[in-house]
Protein backbone atom coordinates (compact mmCIF):
# COMPACT_ATOMS: atom_id res chain seq x y z
CA UNK A 1 -8.19 -7.07 -12.48
CA UNK A 2 -9.72 -4.80 -9.88
CA UNK A 3 -10.28 -6.19 -6.43
CA UNK A 4 -12.12 -4.78 -3.45
CA UNK A 5 -10.31 -3.88 -0.25
CA UNK A 6 -11.08 -2.41 3.15
CA UNK A 7 -8.33 -0.23 4.56
CA UNK A 8 -8.68 0.69 8.22
CA UNK A 9 -6.23 3.21 9.59
CA UNK A 10 -5.85 5.02 12.87
CA UNK A 11 -4.70 8.63 13.05
CA UNK A 12 -3.10 10.46 15.93
CA UNK A 13 -5.76 11.77 18.36
CA UNK A 14 -4.47 15.36 18.13
CA UNK A 15 -5.10 15.52 14.37
CA UNK A 16 -7.35 18.42 13.30
CA UNK A 17 -10.32 17.98 10.95
CA UNK A 18 -8.54 20.03 8.28
CA UNK A 19 -5.55 17.69 8.41
CA UNK A 20 -7.84 14.66 8.16
CA UNK A 21 -9.61 16.17 5.13
CA UNK A 22 -6.28 16.96 3.48
CA UNK A 23 -4.97 13.45 4.11
CA UNK A 24 -8.11 11.79 2.72
CA UNK A 25 -8.04 14.02 -0.35
CA UNK A 26 -4.38 13.21 -1.10
CA UNK A 27 -4.96 9.48 -0.55
CA UNK A 28 -7.90 9.54 -2.93
CA UNK A 29 -5.87 11.39 -5.57
CA UNK A 30 -2.99 8.92 -5.20
CA UNK A 31 -5.30 5.90 -5.53
CA UNK A 32 -6.95 7.38 -8.62
CA UNK A 33 -3.53 8.02 -10.16
CA UNK A 34 -2.56 4.36 -9.51
CA UNK A 35 -5.65 3.10 -11.35
CA UNK A 36 -7.98 2.47 -8.42
CA UNK A 37 -11.01 4.22 -7.02
CA UNK A 38 -12.29 5.04 -3.57
CA UNK A 39 -15.79 3.73 -2.94
CA UNK A 40 -16.14 5.54 0.38
CA UNK A 41 -14.39 6.91 3.44
CA UNK A 42 -16.10 6.28 6.76
CA UNK A 43 -14.99 8.36 9.71
CA UNK A 44 -15.59 6.30 12.81
CA UNK A 45 -14.44 9.01 15.19
CA UNK A 46 -12.05 9.09 18.12
CA UNK A 47 -11.92 5.86 20.09
CA UNK A 48 -9.83 4.35 22.82
CA UNK A 49 -7.16 1.93 21.61
CA UNK A 50 -6.98 -1.60 22.99
CA UNK A 51 -3.30 -1.06 23.79
CA UNK A 52 -0.80 1.78 23.61
CA UNK A 53 0.40 2.49 20.06
CA UNK A 54 3.25 4.98 19.57
CA UNK A 55 2.56 6.39 23.06
CA UNK A 56 -1.12 7.06 22.26
CA UNK A 57 -4.14 5.70 24.15
CA UNK A 58 -6.70 7.01 21.62
CA UNK A 59 -6.92 7.40 17.89
CA UNK A 60 -9.18 8.60 15.09
CA UNK A 61 -10.45 5.59 13.15
CA UNK A 62 -11.09 5.81 9.41
CA UNK A 63 -12.33 3.02 7.14
CA UNK A 64 -11.71 3.32 3.40
CA UNK A 65 -13.43 1.03 0.90
CA UNK A 66 -11.35 0.92 -2.27
CA UNK A 67 -11.24 -0.95 -5.57
CA UNK A 68 -8.16 -1.42 -7.68
CA UNK A 69 -5.18 -3.58 -8.56
CA UNK A 70 -2.68 -4.91 -6.04
CA UNK A 71 -0.08 -2.36 -7.09
CA UNK A 72 -2.42 0.42 -5.96
CA UNK A 73 -2.74 -1.18 -2.52
CA UNK A 74 1.01 -1.58 -2.26
CA UNK A 75 1.51 2.12 -3.00
CA UNK A 76 -1.27 3.10 -0.58
CA UNK A 77 0.33 1.08 2.22
CA UNK A 78 3.72 2.63 1.48
CA UNK A 79 2.23 6.11 1.75
CA UNK A 80 0.41 5.26 4.99
CA UNK A 81 3.65 3.88 6.45
CA UNK A 82 5.56 7.14 5.91
CA UNK A 83 2.66 9.42 6.91
CA UNK A 84 3.25 11.02 10.33
CA UNK A 85 -0.45 11.22 11.19
CA UNK A 86 -1.09 7.48 10.73
CA UNK A 87 -0.14 5.37 13.74
CA UNK A 88 -1.57 2.02 12.56
CA UNK A 89 -3.27 0.55 9.47
CA UNK A 90 -4.52 -2.74 8.07
CA UNK A 91 -5.68 -3.76 4.60
CA UNK A 92 -8.12 -6.62 4.00
CA UNK A 93 -9.19 -8.00 0.63
CA UNK A 94 -12.98 -8.41 0.65
CA UNK A 95 -13.95 -9.57 -2.85
CA UNK A 96 -13.31 -13.26 -2.10
CA UNK A 97 -15.49 -13.02 1.00
CA UNK A 98 -18.29 -11.39 -1.02
CA UNK A 99 -18.15 -14.23 -3.57
CA UNK A 100 -18.31 -16.81 -0.78
CA UNK A 101 -21.27 -15.08 0.89
CA UNK A 102 -23.13 -14.77 -2.42
CA UNK A 103 -22.65 -18.49 -3.02
CA UNK A 104 -24.00 -19.35 0.45
CA UNK A 105 -26.97 -17.00 -0.03
CA UNK A 106 -27.80 -18.59 -3.38
CA UNK A 107 -27.68 -22.05 -1.81
CA UNK A 108 -29.92 -20.95 1.07
CA UNK A 109 -32.44 -19.31 -1.26
CA UNK A 110 -32.71 -22.49 -3.33
CA UNK A 111 -33.85 -24.47 -0.28
CA UNK A 112 -37.30 -24.29 1.28
CA UNK A 113 -36.94 -22.56 4.62
CA UNK A 114 -37.54 -24.66 7.70
CA UNK A 115 -37.49 -28.00 5.93
CA UNK A 116 -34.70 -30.41 5.22
CA UNK A 117 -34.40 -32.76 2.26
CA UNK A 118 -36.93 -35.22 3.70
CA UNK A 119 -39.35 -32.40 4.42
CA UNK A 120 -39.09 -31.21 0.82
CA UNK A 121 -39.88 -34.71 -0.47
CA UNK A 122 -42.85 -35.03 1.90
CA UNK A 123 -44.17 -31.61 0.84
CA UNK A 124 -43.91 -32.59 -2.82
CA UNK A 125 -45.83 -35.85 -2.18
CA UNK A 126 -48.49 -33.99 -0.22
CA UNK A 127 -48.92 -31.45 -3.01
CA UNK A 128 -49.20 -34.25 -5.58
CA UNK A 129 -51.77 -36.10 -3.47
CA UNK A 130 -53.80 -32.93 -2.96
CA UNK A 131 -53.89 -32.23 -6.69
CA UNK A 132 -55.01 -35.79 -7.50
CA UNK A 133 -57.74 -35.62 -4.80
CA UNK A 134 -58.96 -32.32 -6.19
CA UNK A 135 -59.19 -33.87 -9.65
CA UNK A 136 -61.14 -36.86 -8.29
CA UNK A 137 -63.50 -34.66 -6.24
CA UNK A 138 -64.81 -32.75 -9.25
CA UNK A 139 -67.89 -34.57 -10.48
CA UNK A 140 -67.64 -35.97 -13.94
CA UNK A 141 -70.55 -35.40 -16.28
CA UNK A 142 -72.89 -38.32 -16.05
CA UNK A 143 -74.98 -39.01 -19.13
CA UNK A 144 -78.71 -38.91 -18.45
CA UNK A 145 -80.28 -42.26 -17.87
CA UNK A 146 -82.25 -43.63 -20.77
CA UNK A 147 -85.60 -44.60 -19.96
């Protein structure tokens, strides 16, 4: 079963663009070989780190959105761990969160916005009363008077 993951990793700040391209290409090839696929790579640029990591104050942030089995993620993490350019990484499974958000959105869409349960009941009664008044307001045909 394929799951969705976000993999954020930080590269050394002295990494060249060619090295970054080469690394991303090899990671994508490895993930494809393991039975996964890369949805996208997002280069977030060079940013200051919150704390010193491996004697670096800055790093190049890259976010990878991937889909695949858990074995693919395990292999990806192993490769990131031994890669000299990568100073930090984290993997987060996002498919469960997407299911939860879809469920909440469906629940919200089923409710009338701005009204609670009592407001919905009052609106239904008002609509029913309006329809019955409209039916009563239309004049019924009166037979002509005999005479």
